[in-house]
């Protein structure tokens, strides 16, 4: 009965699909926030249990399971784990200085992280926000009613019209893969988390001079603070061909640098630093409701801690530029399905699946490197 219920309507918090997460673990990418939040649980036996209520109060959860119901891919039990990670580009509140508030947030960054059985390796597929897709019908994020499905829509409009549940539904329709979890990080929370980490070290092979993202770096090694890190993952005009695909390559390089930084920070040797990180991390993220407690976040996070930068293969969904609009991209259908099929079967993505994709062209990814 438990398995049947899982297959019909859960993203998975306590884990009926695949293997239950080992206590502790983190997806690295932007979800390093989840790991730092979860680590505080390890201090529970030292008299710091009172912080649980504070951190639980920071977390924001979205009941995606209820919103999506049973209209989802099968819950395949092959030992793997799939997480949709979004970076929100809301311009409201503290984020207003990054652009005009147009009344709705969009998914500025989208990654599907597939953790293989055994929790030792992962593949991360970036979905360009400008990808033209068939968006399914979704419940309106403004409350009440349904937003009809539509063809030839930008991927990030799914979040704009239907919020997290519509973003998950769209990815599941594209991939045929059921998402186990959802993690969203916003601009302001991302900055504060990086600052709590003490910055992230990168090396630039050429100057980056981008007025729009407010980032100006000379060639060389830099420790980026939160504001500069945000500038880097938003930079597009001054690297590569100036497209969103070039920006994705920068984001992927930064993710690996962030992973290295998290691994280097001795959070367990400094309760004060750990609590600062946990407070920032839990304020930075919105998760599916099954993860929206420190206890569940710890169980999700700690079991993946063995995955390092060298254990992650990062790629961009195979795409080509739209002949009708060079600012949009179209999925290479056959190759994209080979990517998703490999992940559905918990297998490595063959190199030939991404060969020739516009996402793999250009030199933006070589501008930045981590240690």
Protein backbone atom coordinates (compact mmCIF):
# COMPACT_ATOMS: atom_id res chain seq x y z
CA UNK A 1 0.00 0.00 0.00
CA UNK A 2 2.85 2.38 0.89
CA UNK A 3 4.55 1.79 -2.45
CA UNK A 4 1.31 2.28 -4.36
CA UNK A 5 0.70 5.58 -2.61
CA UNK A 6 4.23 6.68 -3.42
CA UNK A 7 3.80 5.95 -7.10
CA UNK A 8 0.62 7.95 -7.31
CA UNK A 9 1.54 11.19 -5.70
CA UNK A 10 4.78 11.86 -3.84
CA UNK A 11 7.92 13.72 -4.73
CA UNK A 12 9.42 11.79 -1.84
CA UNK A 13 10.28 13.08 1.55
CA UNK A 14 10.52 9.98 3.69
CA UNK A 15 11.29 7.88 0.65
CA UNK A 16 9.15 5.16 -0.79
CA UNK A 17 10.68 5.44 -4.20
CA UNK A 18 14.14 4.21 -4.78
CA UNK A 19 16.31 3.73 -1.74
CA UNK A 20 15.72 5.68 1.45
CA UNK A 21 18.39 8.37 1.77
CA UNK A 22 21.16 7.52 4.15
CA UNK A 23 21.21 9.89 7.13
CA UNK A 24 22.72 13.11 5.81
CA UNK A 25 23.73 14.09 2.24
CA UNK A 26 23.61 16.99 -0.13
CA UNK A 27 23.22 17.71 -3.78
CA UNK A 28 26.12 20.00 -4.46
CA UNK A 29 25.02 22.68 -6.94
CA UNK A 30 23.05 25.52 -5.43
CA UNK A 31 21.66 22.94 -3.02
CA UNK A 32 24.83 23.21 -0.97
CA UNK A 33 22.41 25.37 1.01
CA UNK A 34 20.53 22.25 2.00
CA UNK A 35 23.65 20.56 3.34
CA UNK A 36 24.75 23.46 5.50
CA UNK A 37 21.25 23.69 6.94
CA UNK A 38 21.17 19.98 7.65
CA UNK A 39 24.57 19.90 9.34
CA UNK A 40 23.19 21.73 12.37
CA UNK A 41 21.29 18.57 13.29
CA UNK A 42 24.61 16.96 14.17
CA UNK A 43 24.90 19.44 17.04
CA UNK A 44 21.60 18.41 18.58
CA UNK A 45 23.26 16.33 21.27
CA UNK A 46 25.45 19.22 22.44
CA UNK A 47 22.66 21.27 23.94
CA UNK A 48 21.91 23.28 20.80
CA UNK A 49 18.62 21.56 20.08
CA UNK A 50 16.79 24.82 20.76
CA UNK A 51 17.90 26.11 17.36
CA UNK A 52 15.76 23.50 15.57
CA UNK A 53 12.59 25.52 16.03
CA UNK A 54 14.27 28.67 14.73
CA UNK A 55 15.65 26.93 11.64
CA UNK A 56 12.41 25.08 10.97
CA UNK A 57 10.70 28.47 11.06
CA UNK A 58 13.07 29.73 8.37
CA UNK A 59 12.22 26.98 5.90
CA UNK A 60 9.51 27.49 3.31
CA UNK A 61 7.75 24.45 1.87
CA UNK A 62 5.51 23.94 -1.17
CA UNK A 63 3.10 21.00 -1.24
CA UNK A 64 3.86 19.96 -4.80
CA UNK A 65 2.58 16.42 -4.31
CA UNK A 66 -0.96 17.59 -3.60
CA UNK A 67 -0.93 20.15 -6.40
CA UNK A 68 0.17 17.65 -9.04
CA UNK A 69 -1.81 14.65 -7.87
CA UNK A 70 -1.44 11.51 -9.97
CA UNK A 71 -0.69 13.10 -13.35
CA UNK A 72 2.99 12.25 -13.17
CA UNK A 73 5.57 9.77 -14.48
CA UNK A 74 5.78 6.36 -12.80
CA UNK A 75 7.74 6.23 -9.57
CA UNK A 76 10.50 3.91 -10.79
CA UNK A 77 12.37 2.09 -8.03
CA UNK A 78 15.93 1.91 -9.38
CA UNK A 79 17.84 3.37 -6.43
CA UNK A 80 18.43 6.81 -7.95
CA UNK A 81 17.27 10.26 -6.92
CA UNK A 82 16.16 13.25 -9.04
CA UNK A 83 16.01 16.84 -7.82
CA UNK A 84 14.85 19.94 -9.68
CA UNK A 85 16.94 22.92 -8.58
CA UNK A 86 15.73 26.40 -9.54
CA UNK A 87 17.23 29.83 -9.05
CA UNK A 88 14.40 32.35 -8.82
CA UNK A 89 14.74 35.75 -10.52
CA UNK A 90 12.00 37.51 -8.55
CA UNK A 91 12.69 41.27 -8.50
CA UNK A 92 10.50 41.99 -5.50
CA UNK A 93 11.71 42.98 -2.02
CA UNK A 94 15.46 42.79 -1.52
CA UNK A 95 15.91 41.57 -5.09
CA UNK A 96 14.48 44.75 -6.64
CA UNK A 97 17.89 46.22 -7.47
CA UNK A 98 18.48 43.41 -10.01
CA UNK A 99 15.70 44.66 -12.28
CA UNK A 100 12.14 45.91 -12.42
CA UNK A 101 9.50 43.96 -10.52
CA UNK A 102 7.09 42.81 -13.23
CA UNK A 103 4.77 41.10 -10.78
CA UNK A 104 5.95 37.51 -11.27
CA UNK A 105 9.14 35.56 -10.70
CA UNK A 106 10.72 33.30 -13.29
CA UNK A 107 13.19 30.44 -13.11
CA UNK A 108 16.44 32.15 -14.04
CA UNK A 109 18.45 28.96 -13.47
CA UNK A 110 17.17 25.39 -13.80
CA UNK A 111 19.08 22.18 -13.17
CA UNK A 112 17.94 18.58 -12.96
CA UNK A 113 20.31 16.71 -10.66
CA UNK A 114 20.28 12.93 -11.03
CA UNK A 115 22.03 11.08 -8.23
CA UNK A 116 22.92 7.53 -9.21
CA UNK A 117 22.25 4.45 -7.14
CA UNK A 118 24.84 4.25 -4.38
CA UNK A 119 24.96 8.06 -3.95
CA UNK A 120 28.53 8.31 -5.25
CA UNK A 121 28.04 10.04 -8.61
CA UNK A 122 25.64 12.52 -10.18
CA UNK A 123 24.72 14.03 -13.52
CA UNK A 124 23.44 17.61 -13.66
CA UNK A 125 21.44 18.75 -16.70
CA UNK A 126 20.99 22.51 -17.09
CA UNK A 127 17.82 23.56 -18.92
CA UNK A 128 18.26 26.94 -20.67
CA UNK A 129 15.54 29.32 -19.53
CA UNK A 130 14.99 30.43 -23.16
CA UNK A 131 14.27 26.88 -24.37
CA UNK A 132 11.02 26.74 -26.34
CA UNK A 133 8.88 23.88 -25.04
CA UNK A 134 5.29 22.66 -24.88
CA UNK A 135 4.08 23.85 -21.49
CA UNK A 136 1.38 21.67 -19.88
CA UNK A 137 -1.78 23.03 -18.29
CA UNK A 138 -1.09 24.08 -14.69
CA UNK A 139 -2.92 25.47 -11.70
CA UNK A 140 -2.50 29.23 -11.64
CA UNK A 141 0.11 30.50 -9.19
CA UNK A 142 -2.01 33.59 -8.53
CA UNK A 143 -4.68 31.47 -6.85
CA UNK A 144 -7.65 29.72 -8.43
CA UNK A 145 -8.19 28.58 -11.97
CA UNK A 146 -6.02 26.82 -14.49
CA UNK A 147 -3.48 28.18 -16.95
CA UNK A 148 -4.01 26.34 -20.22
CA UNK A 149 -1.12 24.52 -21.80
CA UNK A 150 0.57 26.13 -24.77
CA UNK A 151 3.19 25.28 -27.37
CA UNK A 152 6.34 27.17 -28.28
CA UNK A 153 6.68 28.73 -24.81
CA UNK A 154 9.90 29.67 -23.03
CA UNK A 155 10.75 27.17 -20.31
CA UNK A 156 10.90 29.79 -17.56
CA UNK A 157 7.28 30.83 -18.16
CA UNK A 158 6.17 27.61 -16.42
CA UNK A 159 7.35 28.96 -13.08
CA UNK A 160 6.03 32.41 -13.94
CA UNK A 161 2.45 31.26 -14.51
CA UNK A 162 2.20 28.27 -12.17
CA UNK A 163 5.02 28.49 -9.63
CA UNK A 164 7.08 25.52 -8.41
CA UNK A 165 4.43 22.88 -9.14
CA UNK A 166 4.16 23.96 -12.79
CA UNK A 167 7.96 24.00 -13.13
CA UNK A 168 8.11 20.44 -11.80
CA UNK A 169 5.24 19.33 -14.03
CA UNK A 170 6.92 20.85 -17.09
CA UNK A 171 10.23 19.12 -16.38
CA UNK A 172 8.48 15.81 -15.79
CA UNK A 173 6.60 16.12 -19.10
CA UNK A 174 9.86 16.95 -20.91
CA UNK A 175 11.92 14.20 -19.33
CA UNK A 176 9.50 11.45 -18.38
CA UNK A 177 11.29 11.39 -15.02
CA UNK A 178 9.50 11.88 -11.73
CA UNK A 179 11.19 14.53 -9.56
CA UNK A 180 11.81 13.32 -6.01
CA UNK A 181 12.48 16.78 -4.63
CA UNK A 182 12.36 20.47 -5.43
CA UNK A 183 14.83 23.10 -4.16
CA UNK A 184 14.64 26.80 -5.01
CA UNK A 185 17.21 29.47 -4.12
CA UNK A 186 16.61 33.22 -4.51
CA UNK A 187 19.07 36.04 -5.24
CA UNK A 188 19.29 37.53 -1.76
CA UNK A 189 19.56 34.20 0.03
CA UNK A 190 22.26 33.05 -2.38
CA UNK A 191 24.37 36.14 -1.65
CA UNK A 192 24.09 35.75 2.11
CA UNK A 193 25.01 32.07 1.95
CA UNK A 194 28.19 32.77 -0.03
CA UNK A 195 29.15 35.52 2.42
CA UNK A 196 28.66 33.15 5.35
CA UNK A 197 30.93 30.65 3.60
CA UNK A 198 33.63 33.31 3.46
CA UNK A 199 33.43 33.68 -0.31
CA UNK A 200 34.17 31.33 -3.19
CA UNK A 201 37.57 31.12 -4.87
CA UNK A 202 37.75 31.09 -8.67
CA UNK A 203 40.36 31.86 -11.33
CA UNK A 204 39.49 33.86 -14.44
CA UNK A 205 41.51 33.31 -17.59
CA UNK A 206 40.36 36.59 -19.10
CA UNK A 207 38.83 39.82 -17.88
CA UNK A 208 35.09 39.89 -17.18
CA UNK A 209 33.62 43.35 -17.60
CA UNK A 210 29.82 43.25 -17.46
CA UNK A 211 27.91 46.39 -16.45
CA UNK A 212 24.54 44.64 -16.43
CA UNK A 213 25.59 42.00 -13.89
CA UNK A 214 27.82 44.56 -12.14
CA UNK A 215 30.84 42.28 -12.31
CA UNK A 216 34.32 43.54 -13.18
CA UNK A 217 37.21 41.11 -12.73
CA UNK A 218 40.76 41.09 -14.04
CA UNK A 219 42.39 37.81 -15.10
CA UNK A 220 43.67 35.93 -12.07
CA UNK A 221 42.50 34.33 -8.84
CA UNK A 222 39.69 35.93 -6.86
CA UNK A 223 37.66 35.15 -3.76
CA UNK A 224 34.19 36.29 -4.73
CA UNK A 225 31.80 37.58 -2.07
CA UNK A 226 28.06 37.05 -2.35
CA UNK A 227 27.40 40.06 -4.57
CA UNK A 228 30.25 39.16 -6.94
CA UNK A 229 29.19 35.50 -7.04
CA UNK A 230 25.68 36.52 -7.99
CA UNK A 231 27.15 38.76 -10.67
CA UNK A 232 29.14 35.85 -12.08
CA UNK A 233 26.18 33.48 -12.39
CA UNK A 234 24.16 36.28 -14.05
CA UNK A 235 26.90 37.36 -16.49
CA UNK A 236 26.24 36.72 -20.16
CA UNK A 237 27.08 39.72 -22.36
CA UNK A 238 30.83 39.82 -21.74
CA UNK A 239 31.69 36.13 -22.17
CA UNK A 240 31.40 33.70 -25.03
CA UNK A 241 28.74 34.64 -27.58
CA UNK A 242 26.73 36.64 -25.04
CA UNK A 243 23.91 34.09 -24.94
CA UNK A 244 22.18 32.35 -22.06
CA UNK A 245 24.07 29.21 -23.05
CA UNK A 246 27.36 30.94 -22.20
CA UNK A 247 25.96 32.00 -18.86
CA UNK A 248 25.04 28.39 -18.10
CA UNK A 249 28.65 27.38 -18.68
CA UNK A 250 29.74 30.02 -16.15
CA UNK A 251 27.14 28.75 -13.69
CA UNK A 252 28.39 25.21 -14.02
CA UNK A 253 31.99 26.30 -13.39
CA UNK A 254 30.88 28.28 -10.35
CA UNK A 255 28.92 25.32 -8.95
CA UNK A 256 32.10 23.24 -8.85
CA UNK A 257 33.96 26.06 -7.12
CA UNK A 258 31.12 26.33 -4.59
CA UNK A 259 31.30 22.61 -3.88
CA UNK A 260 35.02 22.88 -3.18
CA UNK A 261 34.41 25.79 -0.84
CA UNK A 262 31.72 23.96 1.13
CA UNK A 263 34.00 20.95 1.52
CA UNK A 264 36.84 23.18 2.77
CA UNK A 265 34.83 25.04 5.40
CA UNK A 266 35.26 23.37 8.77
CA UNK A 267 31.72 24.03 9.90
CA UNK A 268 31.71 21.32 12.55
CA UNK A 269 34.74 22.86 14.30
CA UNK A 270 32.95 26.17 14.86
CA UNK A 271 29.39 26.09 16.24
CA UNK A 272 29.04 29.83 15.65
CA UNK A 273 29.98 29.48 11.98
CA UNK A 274 27.78 26.43 11.59
CA UNK A 275 24.77 28.22 13.03
CA UNK A 276 25.36 31.25 10.81
CA UNK A 277 25.55 29.02 7.75
CA UNK A 278 22.49 27.03 8.76
CA UNK A 279 20.48 30.20 9.41
CA UNK A 280 21.42 31.67 6.01
CA UNK A 281 20.87 28.38 4.21
CA UNK A 282 17.42 27.74 5.63
CA UNK A 283 16.38 31.30 4.77
CA UNK A 284 17.77 30.95 1.25
CA UNK A 285 15.78 27.95 0.10
CA UNK A 286 12.23 26.93 -0.65
CA UNK A 287 11.71 23.17 -0.87
CA UNK A 288 8.95 20.68 -1.46
CA UNK A 289 6.99 20.26 1.76
CA UNK A 290 8.56 16.87 2.48
CA UNK A 291 11.94 18.56 2.95
CA UNK A 292 10.70 21.62 4.83
CA UNK A 293 12.08 20.64 8.24
CA UNK A 294 15.61 20.46 9.56
CA UNK A 295 15.18 16.76 10.35
CA UNK A 296 14.08 15.83 6.83
CA UNK A 297 16.67 18.11 5.27
CA UNK A 298 19.36 16.38 7.28
CA UNK A 299 18.18 12.97 6.14
CA UNK A 300 18.17 14.16 2.53
CA UNK A 301 21.52 15.89 2.72
CA UNK A 302 24.05 13.85 4.66
CA UNK A 303 23.86 10.69 2.56
CA UNK A 304 25.16 12.51 -0.53
CA UNK A 305 28.21 14.10 1.07
CA UNK A 306 30.55 11.69 -0.70
CA UNK A 307 29.84 13.32 -4.07
CA UNK A 308 32.59 15.79 -4.96
CA UNK A 309 33.15 18.02 -8.00
CA UNK A 310 34.93 15.22 -9.83
CA UNK A 311 31.95 12.95 -9.29
CA UNK A 312 29.51 15.26 -11.07
CA UNK A 313 29.06 15.38 -14.81
CA UNK A 314 27.53 18.70 -15.80
CA UNK A 315 25.89 19.24 -19.17
CA UNK A 316 23.33 21.40 -20.91
CA UNK A 317 20.19 19.96 -22.46
CA UNK A 318 21.01 19.39 -26.16
CA UNK A 319 19.65 22.39 -28.06
CA UNK A 320 20.01 24.43 -31.24
CA UNK A 321 19.35 28.10 -31.84
CA UNK A 322 15.87 28.86 -33.15
CA UNK A 323 16.22 29.97 -36.81
CA UNK A 324 13.30 32.35 -36.28
CA UNK A 325 14.81 34.00 -33.18
CA UNK A 326 18.49 33.75 -32.21
CA UNK A 327 17.55 34.64 -28.62
CA UNK A 328 15.67 31.34 -28.23
CA UNK A 329 16.77 27.72 -28.41
CA UNK A 330 14.98 24.54 -29.44
CA UNK A 331 15.61 21.08 -27.94
CA UNK A 332 17.37 18.61 -30.19
CA UNK A 333 14.61 16.09 -29.67
CA UNK A 334 16.40 12.84 -30.44
CA UNK A 335 19.49 13.77 -28.45
CA UNK A 336 17.50 15.22 -25.55
CA UNK A 337 15.51 12.01 -25.26
CA UNK A 338 18.77 10.04 -25.14
CA UNK A 339 19.83 12.17 -22.16
CA UNK A 340 16.56 11.62 -20.33
CA UNK A 341 16.42 7.92 -21.21
CA UNK A 342 19.90 7.36 -19.76
CA UNK A 343 18.88 9.03 -16.52
CA UNK A 344 15.59 7.13 -16.37
CA UNK A 345 17.62 3.92 -16.54
CA UNK A 346 20.16 5.24 -14.00
CA UNK A 347 22.95 5.05 -16.58
CA UNK A 348 25.67 7.52 -17.61
CA UNK A 349 24.68 9.92 -20.38
CA UNK A 350 26.60 8.96 -23.54
CA UNK A 351 28.88 11.69 -24.86
CA UNK A 352 27.27 11.37 -28.28
CA UNK A 353 23.95 12.58 -26.81
CA UNK A 354 25.30 16.10 -26.29
CA UNK A 355 27.73 16.23 -29.23
CA UNK A 356 26.98 19.11 -31.59
CA UNK A 357 24.63 20.82 -29.17
CA UNK A 358 24.80 24.61 -29.08
CA UNK A 359 25.09 24.29 -25.30
CA UNK A 360 28.48 22.61 -25.67
CA UNK A 361 29.87 25.18 -28.08
CA UNK A 362 31.67 28.40 -27.28
CA UNK A 363 34.41 29.08 -24.76
CA UNK A 364 32.51 30.66 -21.86
CA UNK A 365 33.05 27.58 -19.73
CA UNK A 366 36.82 27.96 -20.07
CA UNK A 367 36.81 31.55 -18.79
CA UNK A 368 36.44 30.44 -15.17
CA UNK A 369 37.99 27.50 -13.37
CA UNK A 370 38.01 26.35 -9.76
CA UNK A 371 40.84 24.73 -7.84
